[in-house]
């Protein structure tokens, strides 16, 4: 279900909340799924170093 929030994480007390953004241009972007990116909600490749 990532990156879309359905609220199901609320019972796990993750401390995370949804990040809302609006694309300003038509461009391919990657959403971070590991949670370690310094450019959240976007991927910066940090997952390759974990």
PDB file of N, CA and C in Angstrom:
ATOM      1  N   UNK A   1       0.812  -1.204   0.000  1.00  0.00           N
ATOM      2  CA  UNK A   1       0.000   0.000   0.000  1.00  0.00           C
ATOM      3  C   UNK A   1       0.850   1.260   0.000  1.00  0.00           C
ATOM      4  N   UNK A   2       2.117   1.138   0.246  1.00  0.00           N
ATOM      5  CA  UNK A   2       2.966   2.327   0.215  1.00  0.00           C
ATOM      6  C   UNK A   2       2.973   2.889  -1.181  1.00  0.00           C
ATOM      7  N   UNK A   3       3.127   4.118  -1.465  1.00  0.00           N
ATOM      8  CA  UNK A   3       3.292   5.217  -0.534  1.00  0.00           C
ATOM      9  C   UNK A   3       1.977   5.845  -0.108  1.00  0.00           C
ATOM     10  N   UNK A   4       0.846   5.239  -0.453  1.00  0.00           N
ATOM     11  CA  UNK A   4      -0.443   5.842  -0.139  1.00  0.00           C
ATOM     12  C   UNK A   4      -0.902   5.471   1.261  1.00  0.00           C
ATOM     13  N   UNK A   5      -1.334   6.463   2.012  1.00  0.00           N
ATOM     14  CA  UNK A   5      -1.729   6.242   3.398  1.00  0.00           C
ATOM     15  C   UNK A   5      -3.202   5.850   3.486  1.00  0.00           C
ATOM     16  N   UNK A   6      -3.463   4.737   4.155  1.00  0.00           N
ATOM     17  CA  UNK A   6      -4.844   4.333   4.390  1.00  0.00           C
ATOM     18  C   UNK A   6      -5.188   4.390   5.873  1.00  0.00           C
ATOM     19  N   UNK A   7      -4.239   4.882   6.692  1.00  0.00           N
ATOM     20  CA  UNK A   7      -4.485   5.036   8.117  1.00  0.00           C
ATOM     21  C   UNK A   7      -4.267   3.776   8.939  1.00  0.00           C
ATOM     22  N   UNK A   8      -3.982   2.640   8.291  1.00  0.00           N
ATOM     23  CA  UNK A   8      -3.853   1.381   9.024  1.00  0.00           C
ATOM     24  C   UNK A   8      -2.635   1.348   9.945  1.00  0.00           C
ATOM     25  N   UNK A   9      -1.669   2.215   9.738  1.00  0.00           N
ATOM     26  CA  UNK A   9      -0.468   2.236  10.580  1.00  0.00           C
ATOM     27  C   UNK A   9      -0.725   2.860  11.944  1.00  0.00           C
ATOM     28  N   UNK A  10      -1.832   3.537  12.122  1.00  0.00           N
ATOM     29  CA  UNK A  10      -2.121   4.262  13.368  1.00  0.00           C
ATOM     30  C   UNK A  10      -2.055   3.356  14.598  1.00  0.00           C
ATOM     31  N   UNK A  11      -2.476   2.118  14.465  1.00  0.00           N
ATOM     32  CA  UNK A  11      -2.478   1.224  15.623  1.00  0.00           C
ATOM     33  C   UNK A  11      -1.075   0.754  16.004  1.00  0.00           C
ATOM     34  N   UNK A  12      -0.078   0.983  15.151  1.00  0.00           N
ATOM     35  CA  UNK A  12       1.285   0.545  15.434  1.00  0.00           C
ATOM     36  C   UNK A  12       2.152   1.637  16.046  1.00  0.00           C
ATOM     37  N   UNK A  13       1.622   2.855  16.179  1.00  0.00           N
ATOM     38  CA  UNK A  13       2.342   3.977  16.779  1.00  0.00           C
ATOM     39  C   UNK A  13       3.745   4.131  16.178  1.00  0.00           C
ATOM     40  N   UNK A  14       3.807   4.293  14.855  1.00  0.00           N
ATOM     41  CA  UNK A  14       5.090   4.389  14.162  1.00  0.00           C
ATOM     42  C   UNK A  14       5.758   5.743  14.339  1.00  0.00           C
ATOM     43  N   UNK A  15       4.978   6.756  14.718  1.00  0.00           N
ATOM     44  CA  UNK A  15       5.536   8.097  14.834  1.00  0.00           C
ATOM     45  C   UNK A  15       5.642   8.799  13.491  1.00  0.00           C
ATOM     46  N   UNK A  16       5.212   8.135  12.442  1.00  0.00           N
ATOM     47  CA  UNK A  16       5.269   8.717  11.101  1.00  0.00           C
ATOM     48  C   UNK A  16       3.893   9.230  10.721  1.00  0.00           C
ATOM     49  N   UNK A  17       3.877  10.217   9.857  1.00  0.00           N
ATOM     50  CA  UNK A  17       2.611  10.737   9.367  1.00  0.00           C
ATOM     51  C   UNK A  17       2.711  10.917   7.858  1.00  0.00           C
ATOM     52  N   UNK A  18       1.594  11.001   7.167  1.00  0.00           N
ATOM     53  CA  UNK A  18       1.612  11.163   5.718  1.00  0.00           C
ATOM     54  C   UNK A  18       2.303  12.464   5.318  1.00  0.00           C
ATOM     55  N   UNK A  19       2.969  12.434   4.187  1.00  0.00           N
ATOM     56  CA  UNK A  19       3.600  13.628   3.627  1.00  0.00           C
ATOM     57  C   UNK A  19       2.856  13.960   2.348  1.00  0.00           C
ATOM     58  N   UNK A  20       2.312  15.156   2.286  1.00  0.00           N
ATOM     59  CA  UNK A  20       1.556  15.567   1.118  1.00  0.00           C
ATOM     60  C   UNK A  20       2.423  16.462   0.250  1.00  0.00           C
ATOM     61  N   UNK A  21       2.375  16.252  -1.056  1.00  0.00           N
ATOM     62  CA  UNK A  21       3.110  17.114  -1.967  1.00  0.00           C
ATOM     63  C   UNK A  21       2.358  17.221  -3.277  1.00  0.00           C
ATOM     64  N   UNK A  22       2.665  18.263  -4.032  1.00  0.00           N
ATOM     65  CA  UNK A  22       2.053  18.473  -5.328  1.00  0.00           C
ATOM     66  C   UNK A  22       3.165  18.611  -6.350  1.00  0.00           C
ATOM     67  N   UNK A  23       3.105  17.825  -7.412  1.00  0.00           N
ATOM     68  CA  UNK A  23       4.128  17.879  -8.454  1.00  0.00           C
ATOM     69  C   UNK A  23       4.011  19.193  -9.215  1.00  0.00           C
ATOM     70  N   UNK A  24       5.141  19.868  -9.390  1.00  0.00           N
ATOM     71  CA  UNK A  24       5.143  21.150 -10.092  1.00  0.00           C
ATOM     72  C   UNK A  24       5.478  20.986 -11.570  1.00  0.00           C
ATOM     73  N   UNK A  25       5.931  19.795 -11.963  1.00  0.00           N
ATOM     74  CA  UNK A  25       6.246  19.539 -13.363  1.00  0.00           C
ATOM     75  C   UNK A  25       6.120  18.045 -13.643  1.00  0.00           C
ATOM     76  N   UNK A  26       5.950  17.719 -14.918  1.00  0.00           N
ATOM     77  CA  UNK A  26       5.859  16.313 -15.312  1.00  0.00           C
ATOM     78  C   UNK A  26       7.275  15.751 -15.349  1.00  0.00           C
ATOM     79  N   UNK A  27       7.602  14.932 -14.356  1.00  0.00           N
ATOM     80  CA  UNK A  27       8.954  14.396 -14.223  1.00  0.00           C
ATOM     81  C   UNK A  27       8.876  13.086 -13.451  1.00  0.00           C
ATOM     82  N   UNK A  28       9.651  12.098 -13.849  1.00  0.00           N
ATOM     83  CA  UNK A  28       9.652  10.814 -13.144  1.00  0.00           C
ATOM     84  C   UNK A  28      10.417  10.968 -11.831  1.00  0.00           C
ATOM     85  N   UNK A  29       9.777  10.580 -10.736  1.00  0.00           N
ATOM     86  CA  UNK A  29      10.374  10.670  -9.402  1.00  0.00           C
ATOM     87  C   UNK A  29      10.176   9.329  -8.707  1.00  0.00           C
ATOM     88  N   UNK A  30      11.054   9.009  -7.771  1.00  0.00           N
ATOM     89  CA  UNK A  30      10.928   7.776  -6.990  1.00  0.00           C
ATOM     90  C   UNK A  30      10.575   8.139  -5.554  1.00  0.00           C
ATOM     91  N   UNK A  31       9.554   7.506  -5.019  1.00  0.00           N
ATOM     92  CA  UNK A  31       9.143   7.713  -3.635  1.00  0.00           C
ATOM     93  C   UNK A  31       9.971   6.783  -2.752  1.00  0.00           C
ATOM     94  N   UNK A  32      10.526   7.316  -1.668  1.00  0.00           N
ATOM     95  CA  UNK A  32      11.345   6.527  -0.742  1.00  0.00           C
ATOM     96  C   UNK A  32      10.465   5.521  -0.011  1.00  0.00           C
ATOM     97  N   UNK A  33      10.901   4.275  -0.006  1.00  0.00           N
ATOM     98  CA  UNK A  33      10.163   3.228   0.697  1.00  0.00           C
ATOM     99  C   UNK A  33      10.940   2.714   1.908  1.00  0.00           C
ATOM    100  N   UNK A  34      12.237   3.079   2.001  1.00  0.00           N
ATOM    101  CA  UNK A  34      13.037   2.593   3.136  1.00  0.00           C
ATOM    102  C   UNK A  34      12.960   3.545   4.326  1.00  0.00           C
ATOM    103  N   UNK A  35      12.582   4.802   4.085  1.00  0.00           N
ATOM    104  CA  UNK A  35      12.447   5.774   5.163  1.00  0.00           C
ATOM    105  C   UNK A  35      13.746   6.439   5.580  1.00  0.00           C
ATOM    106  N   UNK A  36      14.855   6.147   4.899  1.00  0.00           N
ATOM    107  CA  UNK A  36      16.155   6.680   5.296  1.00  0.00           C
ATOM    108  C   UNK A  36      16.653   7.815   4.402  1.00  0.00           C
ATOM    109  N   UNK A  37      15.924   8.180   3.371  1.00  0.00           N
ATOM    110  CA  UNK A  37      16.345   9.230   2.445  1.00  0.00           C
ATOM    111  C   UNK A  37      16.457  10.580   3.142  1.00  0.00           C
ATOM    112  N   UNK A  38      17.420  11.379   2.728  1.00  0.00           N
ATOM    113  CA  UNK A  38      17.541  12.739   3.264  1.00  0.00           C
ATOM    114  C   UNK A  38      16.654  13.700   2.478  1.00  0.00           C
ATOM    115  N   UNK A  39      15.950  13.177   1.471  1.00  0.00           N
ATOM    116  CA  UNK A  39      15.086  14.009   0.629  1.00  0.00           C
ATOM    117  C   UNK A  39      13.641  13.518   0.656  1.00  0.00           C
ATOM    118  N   UNK A  40      13.198  12.987   1.800  1.00  0.00           N
ATOM    119  CA  UNK A  40      11.830  12.476   1.912  1.00  0.00           C
ATOM    120  C   UNK A  40      10.815  13.495   1.435  1.00  0.00           C
ATOM    121  N   UNK A  41       9.783  13.096   0.728  1.00  0.00           N
ATOM    122  CA  UNK A  41       9.350  11.723   0.493  1.00  0.00           C
ATOM    123  C   UNK A  41      10.024  11.061  -0.712  1.00  0.00           C
ATOM    124  N   UNK A  42      11.048  11.691  -1.274  1.00  0.00           N
ATOM    125  CA  UNK A  42      11.687  11.164  -2.471  1.00  0.00           C
ATOM    126  C   UNK A  42      12.918  10.321  -2.155  1.00  0.00           C
ATOM    127  N   UNK A  43      13.205   9.381  -3.021  1.00  0.00           N
ATOM    128  CA  UNK A  43      14.352   8.492  -2.867  1.00  0.00           C
ATOM    129  C   UNK A  43      15.634   9.220  -3.272  1.00  0.00           C
ATOM    130  N   UNK A  44      16.691   9.064  -2.465  1.00  0.00           N
ATOM    131  CA  UNK A  44      18.008   9.605  -2.822  1.00  0.00           C
ATOM    132  C   UNK A  44      19.039   8.493  -2.975  1.00  0.00           C
ATOM    133  N   UNK A  45      18.593   7.238  -2.995  1.00  0.00           N
ATOM    134  CA  UNK A  45      19.475   6.094  -3.186  1.00  0.00           C
ATOM    135  C   UNK A  45      20.108   5.558  -1.913  1.00  0.00           C
ATOM    136  N   UNK A  46      19.755   6.119  -0.762  1.00  0.00           N
ATOM    137  CA  UNK A  46      20.333   5.676   0.511  1.00  0.00           C
ATOM    138  C   UNK A  46      20.135   4.184   0.733  1.00  0.00           C
ATOM    139  N   UNK A  47      19.030   3.624   0.250  1.00  0.00           N
ATOM    140  CA  UNK A  47      18.739   2.200   0.464  1.00  0.00           C
ATOM    141  C   UNK A  47      19.837   1.295  -0.092  1.00  0.00           C
ATOM    142  N   UNK A  48      20.607   1.778  -1.047  1.00  0.00           N
ATOM    143  CA  UNK A  48      21.674   0.953  -1.623  1.00  0.00           C
ATOM    144  C   UNK A  48      22.861   0.828  -0.681  1.00  0.00           C
ATOM    145  N   UNK A  49      22.903   1.667   0.359  1.00  0.00           N
ATOM    146  CA  UNK A  49      24.012   1.657   1.318  1.00  0.00           C
ATOM    147  C   UNK A  49      23.631   1.032   2.652  1.00  0.00           C
ATOM    148  N   UNK A  50      22.384   0.555   2.781  1.00  0.00           N
ATOM    149  CA  UNK A  50      21.930  -0.023   4.046  1.00  0.00           C
ATOM    150  C   UNK A  50      22.379  -1.462   4.191  1.00  0.00           C
TER     151      UNK A  50
END
